[in-house]
Amino acid sequence: MKNNPAITIHIKKALPQETEVFDTYWEFAFERQEIFFRRLSGTTTGLTCDPVLNKYRFTNVYRASDRVSQFLIRHVIYSGPMEAEELFFRVLLFKIFNKIETWKGLKKNLGKPLKFRHYCFQRYSKILAQMSQSETLYSGAYIMPSGKSTFGSPCKFKNHLRMIEFMMKERFPQQITEASSLGEVYRLLLKVPSIGPFLAYQYAVDLAYSPMTTADEMDFVQPGPGARDGIHKCFHTSGDYSEADIIRYMVDRQEEEFAKRNFPFKTLWGRRLTLIDCQNLFCEVDKYARIKHPQIRGVSGRKRIKQRFRLNPEPIDYLFPPKWALTVNP
């Protein structure tokens, strides 16, 4: 009696079911990237005919193109000692505040480069306390937990300095250099008291800009609250897809979706949209849809866009991680 040949059964996943906001996702990505290249060419007026993009502030399509990310790459990561310990210290010190002015102020008042080998809690605390009397230390891009329950101080920035000390003591720089993927870097950072899933993912991507890790943006994605809102607006149902699956679904389909709509999308000098870019696009489309598709609600139910567009005339000298091997051609 012959044995029956092995039968392989391919079970197809039920696909997410699109709403009209799904089309808006690709329209937004195309037009926002066009604005990026128009500004790069020197255009300062008439950047777009889209009334929503004209009125409100939206981040770039590629996360690494944004002003704060560019400052991080050029002036924080690739400006200073390149040992893992120093790289990690600089990246976390900058990203905890996520504000260019705070970094510049700290550096100016310290009177020397920001290096862990010169770090002194009392000195940094004194400078930050003085700065906080006249300016906001933290960016409004996202909320930083105070860390008081773990590190004990009623002063937020003191807790965050202690948090950095904790990571340095626990040899986080060395552990991250040994990590084999972005997901592993994320899980390491998630162990830090007061760092939740959203911040752990953002910091992991920031560290991946540096040469201290071989982690890649396509290794892993962690949807944030804004992205979840955007996903729920773009799809009636998610089918058999998780939120992370849906973000990867967008990455995989990008060329097809742009072509279907006759959008000649300009990549970042040959670099396709990655998981972090499509994750961020969901955040921005969530905001954009509050105006264009007010009838479609996300998870949070937010209705307004807070930040108005104001042109920053200061030019950006673009630099991307050398390991990306991009040839920037304005």
Protein backbone atom coordinates (compact mmCIF):
# COMPACT_ATOMS: atom_id res chain seq x y z
CA MET A 1 0.00 0.00 0.00
CA LYS A 2 1.41 3.33 -1.06
CA ASN A 3 1.71 6.11 1.42
CA ASN A 4 -0.26 9.22 0.58
CA PRO A 5 2.01 12.11 -0.42
CA ALA A 6 2.29 14.91 2.10
CA ILE A 7 -0.35 17.56 1.61
CA THR A 8 0.58 21.16 2.31
CA ILE A 9 -2.33 23.41 3.13
CA HIS A 10 -1.85 27.13 2.63
CA ILE A 11 -4.21 29.10 4.80
CA LYS A 12 -4.64 32.61 3.48
CA LYS A 13 -5.08 35.42 5.94
CA ALA A 14 -8.29 37.41 5.78
CA LEU A 15 -7.22 40.81 4.48
CA PRO A 16 -7.98 44.10 6.23
CA GLN A 17 -11.04 45.88 4.82
CA GLU A 18 -10.25 49.42 3.66
CA THR A 19 -12.11 52.66 4.32
CA GLU A 20 -11.85 55.83 2.26
CA VAL A 21 -9.06 56.98 4.58
CA PHE A 22 -6.87 54.23 3.09
CA ASP A 23 -6.76 56.24 -0.16
CA THR A 24 -6.01 59.37 1.85
CA TYR A 25 -3.01 57.60 3.42
CA TRP A 26 -1.29 57.32 0.03
CA GLU A 27 -2.43 60.76 -1.12
CA PHE A 28 -1.05 62.32 2.05
CA ALA A 29 2.26 60.43 1.77
CA PHE A 30 2.72 61.56 -1.83
CA GLU A 31 1.89 65.24 -1.28
CA ARG A 32 3.82 65.54 2.00
CA GLN A 33 6.91 64.10 0.29
CA GLU A 34 6.44 66.54 -2.60
CA ILE A 35 6.49 69.38 -0.06
CA PHE A 36 9.74 68.00 1.35
CA PHE A 37 11.43 68.12 -2.05
CA ARG A 38 9.94 71.53 -2.91
CA ARG A 39 11.42 72.96 0.27
CA LEU A 40 14.72 71.23 -0.46
CA SER A 41 14.84 73.01 -3.82
CA GLY A 42 14.50 76.37 -2.06
CA THR A 43 10.76 76.98 -2.45
CA THR A 44 9.28 78.80 0.56
CA THR A 45 5.82 79.84 -0.70
CA GLY A 46 3.10 77.97 -2.54
CA LEU A 47 4.39 74.67 -1.19
CA THR A 48 1.05 72.89 -1.69
CA CYS A 49 -2.53 73.45 -2.78
CA ASP A 50 -3.78 71.18 -0.01
CA PRO A 51 -5.56 73.45 2.52
CA VAL A 52 -5.00 71.08 5.45
CA LEU A 53 -1.26 70.75 4.78
CA ASN A 54 -1.06 74.52 4.34
CA LYS A 55 -2.68 75.20 7.69
CA TYR A 56 -1.39 72.50 10.04
CA ARG A 57 1.96 71.00 10.92
CA PHE A 58 2.72 67.43 9.88
CA THR A 59 5.98 65.54 10.17
CA ASN A 60 7.91 64.37 7.13
CA VAL A 61 7.05 61.10 5.46
CA TYR A 62 10.49 59.71 6.31
CA ARG A 63 11.15 60.00 10.04
CA ALA A 64 14.87 60.57 9.51
CA SER A 65 14.11 63.67 7.39
CA ASP A 66 12.55 65.62 10.24
CA ARG A 67 14.47 68.52 11.76
CA VAL A 68 14.90 66.91 15.19
CA SER A 69 16.03 63.58 13.70
CA GLN A 70 18.45 65.42 11.45
CA PHE A 71 19.91 67.29 14.42
CA LEU A 72 20.22 63.99 16.26
CA ILE A 73 22.04 62.34 13.37
CA ARG A 74 24.44 65.15 12.46
CA HIS A 75 25.05 66.97 15.75
CA VAL A 76 24.54 64.25 18.36
CA ILE A 77 25.37 60.84 16.90
CA TYR A 78 28.03 61.76 14.35
CA SER A 79 29.61 64.55 16.38
CA GLY A 80 31.70 63.24 19.24
CA PRO A 81 33.41 60.07 20.45
CA MET A 82 32.07 56.96 18.72
CA GLU A 83 32.55 54.45 21.52
CA ALA A 84 29.30 52.63 22.36
CA GLU A 85 29.13 54.10 25.87
CA GLU A 86 29.45 57.70 24.63
CA LEU A 87 27.05 57.18 21.70
CA PHE A 88 24.40 55.70 23.94
CA PHE A 89 24.78 58.48 26.50
CA ARG A 90 24.44 61.23 23.89
CA VAL A 91 21.45 59.67 22.12
CA LEU A 92 19.48 59.08 25.31
CA LEU A 93 20.38 62.46 26.80
CA PHE A 94 19.15 64.20 23.65
CA LYS A 95 16.05 62.07 23.07
CA ILE A 96 14.74 62.22 26.64
CA PHE A 97 14.18 65.94 26.14
CA ASN A 98 13.83 65.63 22.34
CA LYS A 99 14.44 69.34 22.00
CA ILE A 100 17.28 70.98 20.07
CA GLU A 101 17.30 74.08 22.28
CA THR A 102 17.75 72.00 25.44
CA TRP A 103 20.74 70.19 23.96
CA LYS A 104 22.33 73.43 22.81
CA GLY A 105 21.67 75.12 26.15
CA LEU A 106 23.10 72.24 28.14
CA LYS A 107 26.20 72.14 25.94
CA LYS A 108 26.70 75.94 26.11
CA ASN A 109 26.31 76.15 29.89
CA LEU A 110 28.48 73.11 30.50
CA GLY A 111 31.23 74.74 28.48
CA LYS A 112 32.52 71.52 26.98
CA PRO A 113 31.30 68.56 24.89
CA LEU A 114 28.61 66.35 26.43
CA LYS A 115 30.51 63.19 27.32
CA PHE A 116 29.68 60.47 29.81
CA ARG A 117 33.29 60.44 31.00
CA HIS A 118 32.74 64.05 32.18
CA TYR A 119 29.19 63.50 33.44
CA CYS A 120 28.26 64.91 36.87
CA PHE A 121 24.70 64.67 38.18
CA GLN A 122 24.97 67.81 40.29
CA ARG A 123 26.40 69.89 37.46
CA TYR A 124 23.82 68.75 34.89
CA SER A 125 20.98 69.21 37.39
CA LYS A 126 22.06 72.75 38.22
CA ILE A 127 22.25 73.76 34.55
CA LEU A 128 18.87 72.22 33.72
CA ALA A 129 17.28 73.86 36.76
CA GLN A 130 18.55 77.26 35.62
CA MET A 131 17.34 76.68 32.06
CA SER A 132 13.90 75.57 33.24
CA GLN A 133 13.32 79.00 34.80
CA SER A 134 13.04 80.61 31.36
CA GLU A 135 12.19 77.84 28.92
CA THR A 136 10.50 74.48 28.51
CA LEU A 137 13.04 71.67 28.61
CA TYR A 138 10.90 69.02 26.94
CA SER A 139 9.48 68.82 23.45
CA GLY A 140 5.71 68.59 23.13
CA ALA A 141 6.00 65.81 20.54
CA TYR A 142 5.22 63.15 23.13
CA ILE A 143 4.76 62.86 26.87
CA MET A 144 7.72 61.77 28.98
CA PRO A 145 6.67 60.00 32.20
CA SER A 146 8.07 61.79 35.24
CA GLY A 147 9.83 58.73 36.66
CA LYS A 148 9.05 59.87 40.20
CA SER A 149 7.67 56.51 41.37
CA THR A 150 10.96 54.83 40.44
CA PHE A 151 13.66 57.45 40.97
CA GLY A 152 12.02 59.45 43.75
CA SER A 153 12.52 63.08 42.87
CA PRO A 154 9.66 65.59 42.43
CA CYS A 155 11.87 67.10 39.71
CA LYS A 156 11.27 65.40 36.37
CA PHE A 157 14.65 66.05 34.77
CA LYS A 158 16.51 64.76 37.84
CA ASN A 159 14.65 61.46 37.54
CA HIS A 160 15.61 61.26 33.89
CA LEU A 161 19.26 61.87 34.66
CA ARG A 162 19.03 59.06 37.21
CA MET A 163 17.39 56.90 34.55
CA ILE A 164 20.38 57.41 32.27
CA GLU A 165 22.70 56.55 35.17
CA PHE A 166 20.69 53.36 35.75
CA MET A 167 21.10 52.31 32.10
CA MET A 168 24.82 53.03 32.12
CA LYS A 169 25.28 51.07 35.34
CA GLU A 170 23.38 48.12 33.88
CA ARG A 171 25.69 48.11 30.83
CA PHE A 172 22.99 48.96 28.31
CA PRO A 173 25.48 50.26 25.72
CA GLN A 174 27.29 46.93 25.69
CA GLN A 175 24.05 44.94 25.60
CA ILE A 176 22.77 46.96 22.64
CA THR A 177 25.96 46.45 20.65
CA GLU A 178 25.41 42.72 21.13
CA ALA A 179 21.73 42.82 20.12
CA SER A 180 20.96 41.01 16.87
CA SER A 181 17.82 42.91 15.86
CA LEU A 182 15.75 46.04 16.45
CA GLY A 183 13.25 43.94 18.37
CA GLU A 184 15.98 42.87 20.77
CA VAL A 185 17.08 46.50 21.29
CA TYR A 186 13.42 47.38 21.93
CA ARG A 187 13.01 44.62 24.51
CA LEU A 188 16.16 45.73 26.31
CA LEU A 189 14.92 49.31 26.57
CA LEU A 190 11.52 48.10 27.71
CA LYS A 191 13.20 46.79 30.87
CA VAL A 192 14.04 50.34 31.95
CA PRO A 193 11.70 51.72 34.64
CA SER A 194 9.36 54.41 33.21
CA ILE A 195 10.12 53.54 29.56
CA GLY A 196 7.00 52.04 27.98
CA PRO A 197 6.45 50.42 24.56
CA PHE A 198 6.15 53.69 22.62
CA LEU A 199 9.35 55.26 23.94
CA ALA A 200 11.27 51.98 23.80
CA TYR A 201 10.51 51.70 20.09
CA GLN A 202 11.35 55.34 19.35
CA TYR A 203 14.67 55.10 21.21
CA ALA A 204 15.49 51.82 19.50
CA VAL A 205 15.07 53.46 16.08
CA ASP A 206 17.19 56.43 17.19
CA LEU A 207 19.98 54.12 18.33
CA ALA A 208 19.73 52.25 15.02
CA TYR A 209 20.81 55.45 13.24
CA SER A 210 24.16 55.02 14.96
CA PRO A 211 26.96 52.55 14.21
CA MET A 212 26.70 51.03 17.69
CA THR A 213 24.14 48.48 16.45
CA THR A 214 23.44 46.59 13.25
CA ALA A 215 19.70 46.68 14.02
CA ASP A 216 17.61 47.62 11.00
CA GLU A 217 14.32 49.54 10.75
CA MET A 218 12.76 46.61 8.89
CA ASP A 219 13.43 44.18 11.75
CA PHE A 220 10.56 45.20 14.00
CA VAL A 221 7.69 47.62 14.52
CA GLN A 222 5.69 48.65 17.59
CA PRO A 223 2.51 50.62 16.80
CA GLY A 224 2.05 53.69 18.97
CA PRO A 225 -1.27 55.23 20.09
CA GLY A 226 -1.45 57.63 17.13
CA ALA A 227 -0.70 54.85 14.67
CA ARG A 228 -3.49 52.74 16.16
CA ASP A 229 -5.90 55.60 15.57
CA GLY A 230 -4.72 55.87 11.98
CA ILE A 231 -5.02 52.14 11.39
CA HIS A 232 -8.60 52.10 12.71
CA LYS A 233 -9.46 54.99 10.41
CA CYS A 234 -7.92 53.33 7.34
CA PHE A 235 -9.58 49.95 7.86
CA HIS A 236 -13.13 48.86 8.76
CA THR A 237 -11.75 45.58 10.05
CA SER A 238 -8.23 44.23 10.39
CA GLY A 239 -9.06 40.73 9.20
CA ASP A 240 -6.46 38.26 10.49
CA TYR A 241 -3.81 40.99 10.67
CA SER A 242 -2.37 42.43 13.84
CA GLU A 243 -1.62 46.16 13.93
CA ALA A 244 2.07 45.37 13.31
CA ASP A 245 1.05 43.13 10.38
CA ILE A 246 -0.93 46.00 8.87
CA ILE A 247 2.06 48.34 9.03
CA ARG A 248 4.19 45.72 7.24
CA TYR A 249 1.33 45.28 4.75
CA MET A 250 1.62 48.98 3.89
CA VAL A 251 5.39 48.72 3.47
CA ASP A 252 5.04 45.72 1.17
CA ARG A 253 2.38 47.37 -1.01
CA GLN A 254 3.80 50.90 -1.30
CA GLU A 255 4.92 50.79 -4.94
CA GLU A 256 1.68 49.13 -6.04
CA GLU A 257 -0.52 51.60 -4.18
CA PHE A 258 1.31 54.69 -5.46
CA ALA A 259 1.25 53.34 -9.03
CA LYS A 260 -2.46 52.50 -8.80
CA ARG A 261 -3.18 56.17 -8.07
CA ASN A 262 -0.68 57.52 -10.62
CA PHE A 263 1.42 59.11 -7.88
CA PRO A 264 5.10 59.30 -8.92
CA PHE A 265 6.28 59.03 -5.33
CA LYS A 266 9.84 60.21 -4.74
CA THR A 267 11.65 57.92 -2.33
CA LEU A 268 14.43 59.12 -0.06
CA TRP A 269 17.08 58.90 -2.78
CA GLY A 270 16.26 55.25 -3.40
CA ARG A 271 15.30 54.24 0.13
CA ARG A 272 11.79 52.76 0.35
CA LEU A 273 9.42 53.58 3.19
CA THR A 274 10.31 51.37 6.13
CA LEU A 275 8.24 50.15 9.06
CA ILE A 276 8.89 53.20 11.23
CA ASP A 277 7.95 55.50 8.33
CA CYS A 278 4.64 53.74 7.66
CA GLN A 279 3.96 53.63 11.39
CA ASN A 280 4.49 57.39 11.60
CA LEU A 281 2.36 57.95 8.51
CA PHE A 282 -0.56 56.32 10.30
CA CYS A 283 -0.07 58.86 13.12
CA GLU A 284 -0.07 61.78 10.70
CA VAL A 285 -3.01 60.47 8.65
CA ASP A 286 -4.97 60.09 11.89
CA LYS A 287 -4.52 63.86 12.41
CA TYR A 288 -5.13 64.74 8.76
CA ALA A 289 -8.35 62.70 8.71
CA ARG A 290 -9.74 64.71 11.64
CA ILE A 291 -10.24 67.51 9.12
CA LYS A 292 -10.73 65.64 5.84
CA HIS A 293 -12.81 62.74 7.21
CA PRO A 294 -14.35 64.01 10.46
CA GLN A 295 -17.07 61.37 10.29
CA ILE A 296 -14.52 58.57 10.69
CA ARG A 297 -13.41 58.18 14.29
CA GLY A 298 -10.30 56.51 15.61
CA VAL A 299 -9.76 54.84 18.97
CA SER A 300 -9.10 58.04 20.91
CA GLY A 301 -11.91 60.09 19.38
CA ARG A 302 -9.74 63.21 19.07
CA LYS A 303 -11.20 65.83 16.74
CA ARG A 304 -8.71 68.72 16.49
CA ILE A 305 -5.17 69.23 15.26
CA LYS A 306 -3.19 71.28 17.76
CA GLN A 307 -0.10 72.43 15.88
CA ARG A 308 -0.35 75.05 13.13
CA PHE A 309 2.18 75.15 10.31
CA ARG A 310 4.89 77.79 10.65
CA LEU A 311 7.71 77.79 8.13
CA ASN A 312 11.11 77.43 9.78
CA PRO A 313 13.48 79.29 7.46
CA GLU A 314 16.63 77.72 8.91
CA PRO A 315 18.01 75.32 6.27
CA ILE A 316 18.88 71.72 7.10
CA ASP A 317 22.14 70.22 5.87
CA TYR A 318 20.85 66.70 5.42
CA LEU A 319 22.84 63.77 6.70
CA PHE A 320 21.60 60.19 6.88
CA PRO A 321 23.26 57.20 8.56
CA PRO A 322 26.27 56.25 6.42
CA LYS A 323 25.23 52.58 6.57
CA TRP A 324 22.18 53.51 4.46
CA ALA A 325 24.55 54.45 1.63
CA LEU A 326 22.31 57.26 0.35
CA THR A 327 23.57 59.85 -2.12
CA VAL A 328 21.75 63.03 -1.13
CA ASN A 329 21.15 65.16 -4.20
CA PRO A 330 19.22 68.38 -3.52
